[in-house]
Amino acid sequence: MIILCVATFLSLVFSMYLIFIYAPVEQTMGIVQKIFYLHVSFAWWGLFSFFLVFLFGLLYLWKRNFRFHIMANVSAEIGVLYSTFVLITGVIWAKASWNTYWTWSPRLTTTLIMWFMYVVYLVVLNLDMQEEKRAVVCSVLGIVAFVDVPLVFFSARMWRSIHPVVFGKGGGMPPEMIYTMLFSLFSFGLFYLCIFLLRLRQYNLQREISTMSKEMMK
């Protein structure tokens, strides 16, 4: 775990070097464009996190193994955190690029809806109800909320939108920007894995302490 944390730190530092030193400054937007490397990295791993919420929710309903519910909770927490950074960096980008902080384009609208749905998931997670019932409700909610995730990803391609397509048709970038973007995705993926494992360990410790407390009170 220590090795992973150190590797994550070094990877993030090198990623910042690529973003602010190696990658060229975009001619139209200037230095502000560099926030897009963070924006895209947070967005991709946020969507991946919500896919894990969906997957672990299905596995919990099938196997009734509480470990799957815990992993879904951790994924939801990180997904909401990453999505919050997506919205914040997106607002900064929008003001510099479109001269407005917000526009109800398909990509932005579906992202905001997704963020609200998984915030509701976290609210339900902290409600005072029977443990197994809460796990079932959260699993169902995580599965239903995932319907919006593909819409977020494909919205800029499916409907007319001012939001740029980073990869694929209409999203050309010079090689230096592509290398920086790919390494940023890699480093923030390591960061995601590091947070996931640390938070999972914390959840397990909390559960062990809670079990020990209940046994001591008997």
C-alpha atoms as a PDB file:
ATOM      1  CA  MET A   1       0.000   0.000   0.000  1.00  0.00           C
ATOM      2  CA  ILE A   2       2.861   2.371   0.817  1.00  0.00           C
ATOM      3  CA  ILE A   3       4.479   1.595  -2.541  1.00  0.00           C
ATOM      4  CA  LEU A   4       1.199   2.366  -4.311  1.00  0.00           C
ATOM      5  CA  CYS A   5       0.820   5.681  -2.476  1.00  0.00           C
ATOM      6  CA  VAL A   6       4.395   6.713  -3.320  1.00  0.00           C
ATOM      7  CA  ALA A   7       3.927   5.694  -6.963  1.00  0.00           C
ATOM      8  CA  THR A   8       0.675   7.660  -7.081  1.00  0.00           C
ATOM      9  CA  PHE A   9       2.348  10.770  -5.644  1.00  0.00           C
ATOM     10  CA  LEU A  10       5.251  10.605  -8.114  1.00  0.00           C
ATOM     11  CA  SER A  11       2.862   9.964 -10.976  1.00  0.00           C
ATOM     12  CA  LEU A  12       0.739  12.996 -10.072  1.00  0.00           C
ATOM     13  CA  VAL A  13       3.833  15.200  -9.774  1.00  0.00           C
ATOM     14  CA  PHE A  14       5.056  14.116 -13.204  1.00  0.00           C
ATOM     15  CA  SER A  15       1.554  14.619 -14.571  1.00  0.00           C
ATOM     16  CA  MET A  16       1.624  18.237 -13.341  1.00  0.00           C
ATOM     17  CA  TYR A  17       4.982  18.677 -15.073  1.00  0.00           C
ATOM     18  CA  LEU A  18       3.529  17.397 -18.348  1.00  0.00           C
ATOM     19  CA  ILE A  19       0.459  19.600 -18.027  1.00  0.00           C
ATOM     20  CA  PHE A  20       2.113  22.888 -17.105  1.00  0.00           C
ATOM     21  CA  ILE A  21       5.584  22.534 -18.680  1.00  0.00           C
ATOM     22  CA  TYR A  22       5.653  19.912 -21.447  1.00  0.00           C
ATOM     23  CA  ALA A  23       2.260  20.376 -23.096  1.00  0.00           C
ATOM     24  CA  PRO A  24       2.084  23.417 -25.400  1.00  0.00           C
ATOM     25  CA  VAL A  25      -0.098  26.383 -24.553  1.00  0.00           C
ATOM     26  CA  GLU A  26      -3.257  26.397 -26.646  1.00  0.00           C
ATOM     27  CA  GLN A  27      -3.258  29.421 -28.972  1.00  0.00           C
ATOM     28  CA  THR A  28      -6.863  30.513 -28.471  1.00  0.00           C
ATOM     29  CA  MET A  29      -7.515  29.939 -24.754  1.00  0.00           C
ATOM     30  CA  GLY A  30      -3.973  30.171 -23.462  1.00  0.00           C
ATOM     31  CA  ILE A  31      -2.999  28.774 -20.062  1.00  0.00           C
ATOM     32  CA  VAL A  32      -6.624  28.215 -19.017  1.00  0.00           C
ATOM     33  CA  GLN A  33      -6.880  25.329 -21.473  1.00  0.00           C
ATOM     34  CA  LYS A  34      -4.573  23.251 -19.261  1.00  0.00           C
ATOM     35  CA  ILE A  35      -7.382  22.733 -16.752  1.00  0.00           C
ATOM     36  CA  PHE A  36      -8.942  20.457 -19.344  1.00  0.00           C
ATOM     37  CA  TYR A  37      -6.413  17.699 -18.600  1.00  0.00           C
ATOM     38  CA  LEU A  38      -7.692  17.597 -15.013  1.00  0.00           C
ATOM     39  CA  HIS A  39     -11.297  17.963 -16.128  1.00  0.00           C
ATOM     40  CA  VAL A  40     -11.180  14.976 -18.497  1.00  0.00           C
ATOM     41  CA  SER A  41      -9.256  12.783 -16.041  1.00  0.00           C
ATOM     42  CA  PHE A  42     -11.756  13.418 -13.257  1.00  0.00           C
ATOM     43  CA  ALA A  43     -14.636  12.845 -15.683  1.00  0.00           C
ATOM     44  CA  TRP A  44     -13.423   9.489 -17.024  1.00  0.00           C
ATOM     45  CA  TRP A  45     -12.633   8.015 -13.625  1.00  0.00           C
ATOM     46  CA  GLY A  46     -15.824   9.441 -12.150  1.00  0.00           C
ATOM     47  CA  LEU A  47     -17.849   7.586 -14.777  1.00  0.00           C
ATOM     48  CA  PHE A  48     -15.810   4.437 -14.140  1.00  0.00           C
ATOM     49  CA  SER A  49     -16.554   4.768 -10.442  1.00  0.00           C
ATOM     50  CA  PHE A  50     -20.290   4.885 -11.080  1.00  0.00           C
ATOM     51  CA  PHE A  51     -19.976   1.798 -13.277  1.00  0.00           C
ATOM     52  CA  LEU A  52     -18.462   0.039 -10.248  1.00  0.00           C
ATOM     53  CA  VAL A  53     -21.414   1.193  -8.116  1.00  0.00           C
ATOM     54  CA  PHE A  54     -23.691  -0.420 -10.704  1.00  0.00           C
ATOM     55  CA  LEU A  55     -21.610  -3.609 -10.853  1.00  0.00           C
ATOM     56  CA  PHE A  56     -21.208  -4.051  -7.095  1.00  0.00           C
ATOM     57  CA  GLY A  57     -24.900  -3.274  -6.615  1.00  0.00           C
ATOM     58  CA  LEU A  58     -25.826  -6.115  -8.945  1.00  0.00           C
ATOM     59  CA  LEU A  59     -23.386  -8.444  -7.198  1.00  0.00           C
ATOM     60  CA  TYR A  60     -24.798  -7.570  -3.779  1.00  0.00           C
ATOM     61  CA  LEU A  61     -28.392  -8.230  -4.865  1.00  0.00           C
ATOM     62  CA  TRP A  62     -27.265 -11.542  -6.353  1.00  0.00           C
ATOM     63  CA  LYS A  63     -24.858 -12.818  -3.687  1.00  0.00           C
ATOM     64  CA  ARG A  64     -26.013 -10.846  -0.611  1.00  0.00           C
ATOM     65  CA  ASN A  65     -22.362 -10.450   0.335  1.00  0.00           C
ATOM     66  CA  PHE A  66     -22.011  -7.251   2.350  1.00  0.00           C
ATOM     67  CA  ARG A  67     -18.484  -6.713   1.015  1.00  0.00           C
ATOM     68  CA  PHE A  68     -19.974  -5.829  -2.380  1.00  0.00           C
ATOM     69  CA  HIS A  69     -22.162  -3.194  -0.717  1.00  0.00           C
ATOM     70  CA  ILE A  70     -19.114  -1.660   0.975  1.00  0.00           C
ATOM     71  CA  MET A  71     -17.207  -1.517  -2.314  1.00  0.00           C
ATOM     72  CA  ALA A  72     -20.223   0.116  -3.975  1.00  0.00           C
ATOM     73  CA  ASN A  73     -20.290   2.721  -1.190  1.00  0.00           C
ATOM     74  CA  VAL A  74     -16.609   3.515  -1.624  1.00  0.00           C
ATOM     75  CA  SER A  75     -17.055   3.793  -5.391  1.00  0.00           C
ATOM     76  CA  ALA A  76     -20.017   6.124  -4.960  1.00  0.00           C
ATOM     77  CA  GLU A  77     -18.099   8.400  -2.583  1.00  0.00           C
ATOM     78  CA  ILE A  78     -15.134   8.697  -4.936  1.00  0.00           C
ATOM     79  CA  GLY A  79     -17.420   9.111  -7.935  1.00  0.00           C
ATOM     80  CA  VAL A  80     -19.243  12.019  -6.313  1.00  0.00           C
ATOM     81  CA  LEU A  81     -15.905  13.569  -5.307  1.00  0.00           C
ATOM     82  CA  TYR A  82     -14.501  13.258  -8.836  1.00  0.00           C
ATOM     83  CA  SER A  83     -17.749  14.486 -10.392  1.00  0.00           C
ATOM     84  CA  THR A  84     -17.707  17.519  -8.111  1.00  0.00           C
ATOM     85  CA  PHE A  85     -14.249  18.383  -9.449  1.00  0.00           C
ATOM     86  CA  VAL A  86     -15.588  17.819 -12.975  1.00  0.00           C
ATOM     87  CA  LEU A  87     -18.318  20.404 -12.401  1.00  0.00           C
ATOM     88  CA  ILE A  88     -15.923  22.902 -10.781  1.00  0.00           C
ATOM     89  CA  THR A  89     -13.264  22.633 -13.492  1.00  0.00           C
ATOM     90  CA  GLY A  90     -16.010  22.623 -16.122  1.00  0.00           C
ATOM     91  CA  VAL A  91     -17.374  25.924 -14.851  1.00  0.00           C
ATOM     92  CA  ILE A  92     -13.896  27.477 -15.049  1.00  0.00           C
ATOM     93  CA  TRP A  93     -13.418  26.087 -18.557  1.00  0.00           C
ATOM     94  CA  ALA A  94     -16.866  27.280 -19.686  1.00  0.00           C
ATOM     95  CA  LYS A  95     -16.245  30.858 -18.561  1.00  0.00           C
ATOM     96  CA  ALA A  96     -12.942  31.023 -20.443  1.00  0.00           C
ATOM     97  CA  SER A  97     -14.181  29.164 -23.528  1.00  0.00           C
ATOM     98  CA  TRP A  98     -17.825  30.196 -23.899  1.00  0.00           C
ATOM     99  CA  ASN A  99     -17.900  33.368 -21.782  1.00  0.00           C
ATOM    100  CA  THR A 100     -20.524  31.882 -19.485  1.00  0.00           C
ATOM    101  CA  TYR A 101     -20.271  29.775 -16.355  1.00  0.00           C
ATOM    102  CA  TRP A 102     -23.071  27.421 -17.333  1.00  0.00           C
ATOM    103  CA  THR A 103     -25.091  26.408 -20.346  1.00  0.00           C
ATOM    104  CA  TRP A 104     -27.818  23.760 -20.415  1.00  0.00           C
ATOM    105  CA  SER A 105     -26.114  21.714 -23.110  1.00  0.00           C
ATOM    106  CA  PRO A 106     -26.762  17.923 -23.145  1.00  0.00           C
ATOM    107  CA  ARG A 107     -23.363  17.057 -21.625  1.00  0.00           C
ATOM    108  CA  LEU A 108     -23.618  19.537 -18.755  1.00  0.00           C
ATOM    109  CA  THR A 109     -27.272  18.791 -18.024  1.00  0.00           C
ATOM    110  CA  THR A 110     -26.835  15.006 -17.908  1.00  0.00           C
ATOM    111  CA  THR A 111     -23.707  15.395 -15.759  1.00  0.00           C
ATOM    112  CA  LEU A 112     -25.546  17.554 -13.230  1.00  0.00           C
ATOM    113  CA  ILE A 113     -28.433  15.066 -13.084  1.00  0.00           C
ATOM    114  CA  MET A 114     -25.949  12.233 -12.558  1.00  0.00           C
ATOM    115  CA  TRP A 115     -24.235  14.140  -9.750  1.00  0.00           C
ATOM    116  CA  PHE A 116     -27.552  14.762  -7.961  1.00  0.00           C
ATOM    117  CA  MET A 117     -28.600  11.104  -8.231  1.00  0.00           C
ATOM    118  CA  TYR A 118     -25.401   9.826  -6.631  1.00  0.00           C
ATOM    119  CA  VAL A 119     -25.550  12.496  -3.945  1.00  0.00           C
ATOM    120  CA  VAL A 120     -28.977  11.054  -3.132  1.00  0.00           C
ATOM    121  CA  TYR A 121     -27.272   7.646  -2.975  1.00  0.00           C
ATOM    122  CA  LEU A 122     -24.888   8.977  -0.296  1.00  0.00           C
ATOM    123  CA  VAL A 123     -27.801  10.537   1.601  1.00  0.00           C
ATOM    124  CA  VAL A 124     -29.646   7.191   1.626  1.00  0.00           C
ATOM    125  CA  LEU A 125     -26.419   5.511   2.713  1.00  0.00           C
ATOM    126  CA  ASN A 126     -26.448   7.586   5.899  1.00  0.00           C
ATOM    127  CA  LEU A 127     -30.138   7.161   6.718  1.00  0.00           C
ATOM    128  CA  ASP A 128     -31.054   5.475   9.986  1.00  0.00           C
ATOM    129  CA  MET A 129     -32.547   2.174   8.831  1.00  0.00           C
ATOM    130  CA  GLN A 130     -31.911  -1.540   9.127  1.00  0.00           C
ATOM    131  CA  GLU A 131     -28.522  -2.416   7.615  1.00  0.00           C
ATOM    132  CA  GLU A 132     -29.653  -5.001   5.059  1.00  0.00           C
ATOM    133  CA  LYS A 133     -32.622  -2.895   3.963  1.00  0.00           C
ATOM    134  CA  ARG A 134     -30.334   0.118   3.449  1.00  0.00           C
ATOM    135  CA  ALA A 135     -27.946  -2.024   1.406  1.00  0.00           C
ATOM    136  CA  VAL A 136     -30.780  -3.203  -0.856  1.00  0.00           C
ATOM    137  CA  VAL A 137     -32.128   0.332  -1.343  1.00  0.00           C
ATOM    138  CA  CYS A 138     -28.653   1.668  -2.157  1.00  0.00           C
ATOM    139  CA  SER A 139     -27.989  -1.172  -4.594  1.00  0.00           C
ATOM    140  CA  VAL A 140     -31.244  -0.549  -6.460  1.00  0.00           C
ATOM    141  CA  LEU A 141     -30.606   3.203  -6.497  1.00  0.00           C
ATOM    142  CA  GLY A 142     -27.062   2.703  -7.805  1.00  0.00           C
ATOM    143  CA  ILE A 143     -28.344   0.467 -10.609  1.00  0.00           C
ATOM    144  CA  VAL A 144     -31.125   2.880 -11.616  1.00  0.00           C
ATOM    145  CA  ALA A 145     -28.835   5.932 -11.468  1.00  0.00           C
ATOM    146  CA  PHE A 146     -26.378   4.259 -13.833  1.00  0.00           C
ATOM    147  CA  VAL A 147     -28.890   4.733 -16.672  1.00  0.00           C
ATOM    148  CA  ASP A 148     -27.689   8.349 -16.897  1.00  0.00           C
ATOM    149  CA  VAL A 149     -23.970   7.462 -17.096  1.00  0.00           C
ATOM    150  CA  PRO A 150     -23.928   6.336 -20.778  1.00  0.00           C
ATOM    151  CA  LEU A 151     -25.952   9.444 -21.615  1.00  0.00           C
ATOM    152  CA  VAL A 152     -23.236  11.606 -20.060  1.00  0.00           C
ATOM    153  CA  PHE A 153     -20.516   9.868 -22.069  1.00  0.00           C
ATOM    154  CA  PHE A 154     -22.306   9.870 -25.441  1.00  0.00           C
ATOM    155  CA  SER A 155     -24.262  13.131 -25.098  1.00  0.00           C
ATOM    156  CA  ALA A 156     -21.680  15.266 -26.937  1.00  0.00           C
ATOM    157  CA  ARG A 157     -21.794  12.767 -29.822  1.00  0.00           C
ATOM    158  CA  MET A 158     -25.536  12.053 -29.853  1.00  0.00           C
ATOM    159  CA  TRP A 159     -26.839  15.633 -29.781  1.00  0.00           C
ATOM    160  CA  ARG A 160     -25.655  18.975 -31.058  1.00  0.00           C
ATOM    161  CA  SER A 161     -23.553  20.479 -28.315  1.00  0.00           C
ATOM    162  CA  ILE A 162     -20.921  23.167 -27.781  1.00  0.00           C
ATOM    163  CA  HIS A 163     -19.054  20.742 -25.530  1.00  0.00           C
ATOM    164  CA  PRO A 164     -15.925  19.482 -27.344  1.00  0.00           C
ATOM    165  CA  VAL A 165     -15.237  15.820 -28.147  1.00  0.00           C
ATOM    166  CA  VAL A 166     -11.782  15.083 -26.737  1.00  0.00           C
ATOM    167  CA  PHE A 167     -11.076  11.815 -28.570  1.00  0.00           C
ATOM    168  CA  GLY A 168     -12.515  10.739 -31.870  1.00  0.00           C
ATOM    169  CA  LYS A 169     -14.184  12.759 -34.603  1.00  0.00           C
ATOM    170  CA  GLY A 170     -13.913  16.481 -33.953  1.00  0.00           C
ATOM    171  CA  GLY A 171     -11.430  16.148 -31.098  1.00  0.00           C
ATOM    172  CA  GLY A 172      -7.997  16.426 -32.754  1.00  0.00           C
ATOM    173  CA  MET A 173      -5.011  17.401 -30.570  1.00  0.00           C
ATOM    174  CA  PRO A 174      -1.264  17.606 -31.231  1.00  0.00           C
ATOM    175  CA  PRO A 175       0.825  14.619 -30.014  1.00  0.00           C
ATOM    176  CA  GLU A 176       2.212  16.468 -26.962  1.00  0.00           C
ATOM    177  CA  MET A 177      -1.327  17.151 -25.725  1.00  0.00           C
ATOM    178  CA  ILE A 178      -2.415  13.560 -26.377  1.00  0.00           C
ATOM    179  CA  TYR A 179       0.564  12.143 -24.427  1.00  0.00           C
ATOM    180  CA  THR A 180      -0.149  14.518 -21.559  1.00  0.00           C
ATOM    181  CA  MET A 181      -3.824  13.615 -21.590  1.00  0.00           C
ATOM    182  CA  LEU A 182      -3.118   9.876 -21.552  1.00  0.00           C
ATOM    183  CA  PHE A 183      -0.609  10.123 -18.716  1.00  0.00           C
ATOM    184  CA  SER A 184      -3.006  12.313 -16.739  1.00  0.00           C
ATOM    185  CA  LEU A 185      -5.660   9.619 -17.127  1.00  0.00           C
ATOM    186  CA  PHE A 186      -3.151   7.055 -15.891  1.00  0.00           C
ATOM    187  CA  SER A 187      -1.987   9.086 -12.871  1.00  0.00           C
ATOM    188  CA  PHE A 188      -5.499   9.990 -11.754  1.00  0.00           C
ATOM    189  CA  GLY A 189      -6.428   6.346 -12.183  1.00  0.00           C
ATOM    190  CA  LEU A 190      -3.655   5.442  -9.734  1.00  0.00           C
ATOM    191  CA  PHE A 191      -4.952   8.154  -7.433  1.00  0.00           C
ATOM    192  CA  TYR A 192      -8.413   6.623  -7.697  1.00  0.00           C
ATOM    193  CA  LEU A 193      -7.084   3.158  -6.832  1.00  0.00           C
ATOM    194  CA  CYS A 194      -5.149   4.519  -3.867  1.00  0.00           C
ATOM    195  CA  ILE A 195      -8.198   6.309  -2.431  1.00  0.00           C
ATOM    196  CA  PHE A 196     -10.390   3.273  -3.087  1.00  0.00           C
ATOM    197  CA  LEU A 197      -8.133   0.865  -1.191  1.00  0.00           C
ATOM    198  CA  LEU A 198      -7.578   3.266   1.723  1.00  0.00           C
ATOM    199  CA  ARG A 199     -11.294   4.001   2.067  1.00  0.00           C
ATOM    200  CA  LEU A 200     -12.149   0.297   1.750  1.00  0.00           C
ATOM    201  CA  ARG A 201      -9.718  -0.486   4.572  1.00  0.00           C
ATOM    202  CA  GLN A 202     -11.312   2.255   6.681  1.00  0.00           C
ATOM    203  CA  TYR A 203     -14.801   0.844   6.064  1.00  0.00           C
ATOM    204  CA  ASN A 204     -13.659  -2.638   7.056  1.00  0.00           C
ATOM    205  CA  LEU A 205     -12.015  -1.351  10.237  1.00  0.00           C
ATOM    206  CA  GLN A 206     -15.156   0.569  11.163  1.00  0.00           C
ATOM    207  CA  ARG A 207     -17.223  -2.558  10.633  1.00  0.00           C
ATOM    208  CA  GLU A 208     -14.849  -4.641  12.776  1.00  0.00           C
ATOM    209  CA  ILE A 209     -14.940  -2.058  15.571  1.00  0.00           C
ATOM    210  CA  SER A 210     -18.730  -1.916  15.396  1.00  0.00           C
ATOM    211  CA  THR A 211     -18.958  -5.724  15.598  1.00  0.00           C
ATOM    212  CA  MET A 212     -16.586  -5.843  18.571  1.00  0.00           C
ATOM    213  CA  SER A 213     -18.569  -3.135  20.355  1.00  0.00           C
ATOM    214  CA  LYS A 214     -21.823  -5.053  19.905  1.00  0.00           C
ATOM    215  CA  GLU A 215     -20.244  -8.236  21.245  1.00  0.00           C
ATOM    216  CA  MET A 216     -18.845  -6.433  24.301  1.00  0.00           C
ATOM    217  CA  MET A 217     -22.282  -4.994  25.087  1.00  0.00           C
ATOM    218  CA  LYS A 218     -23.915  -8.438  25.128  1.00  0.00           C
END
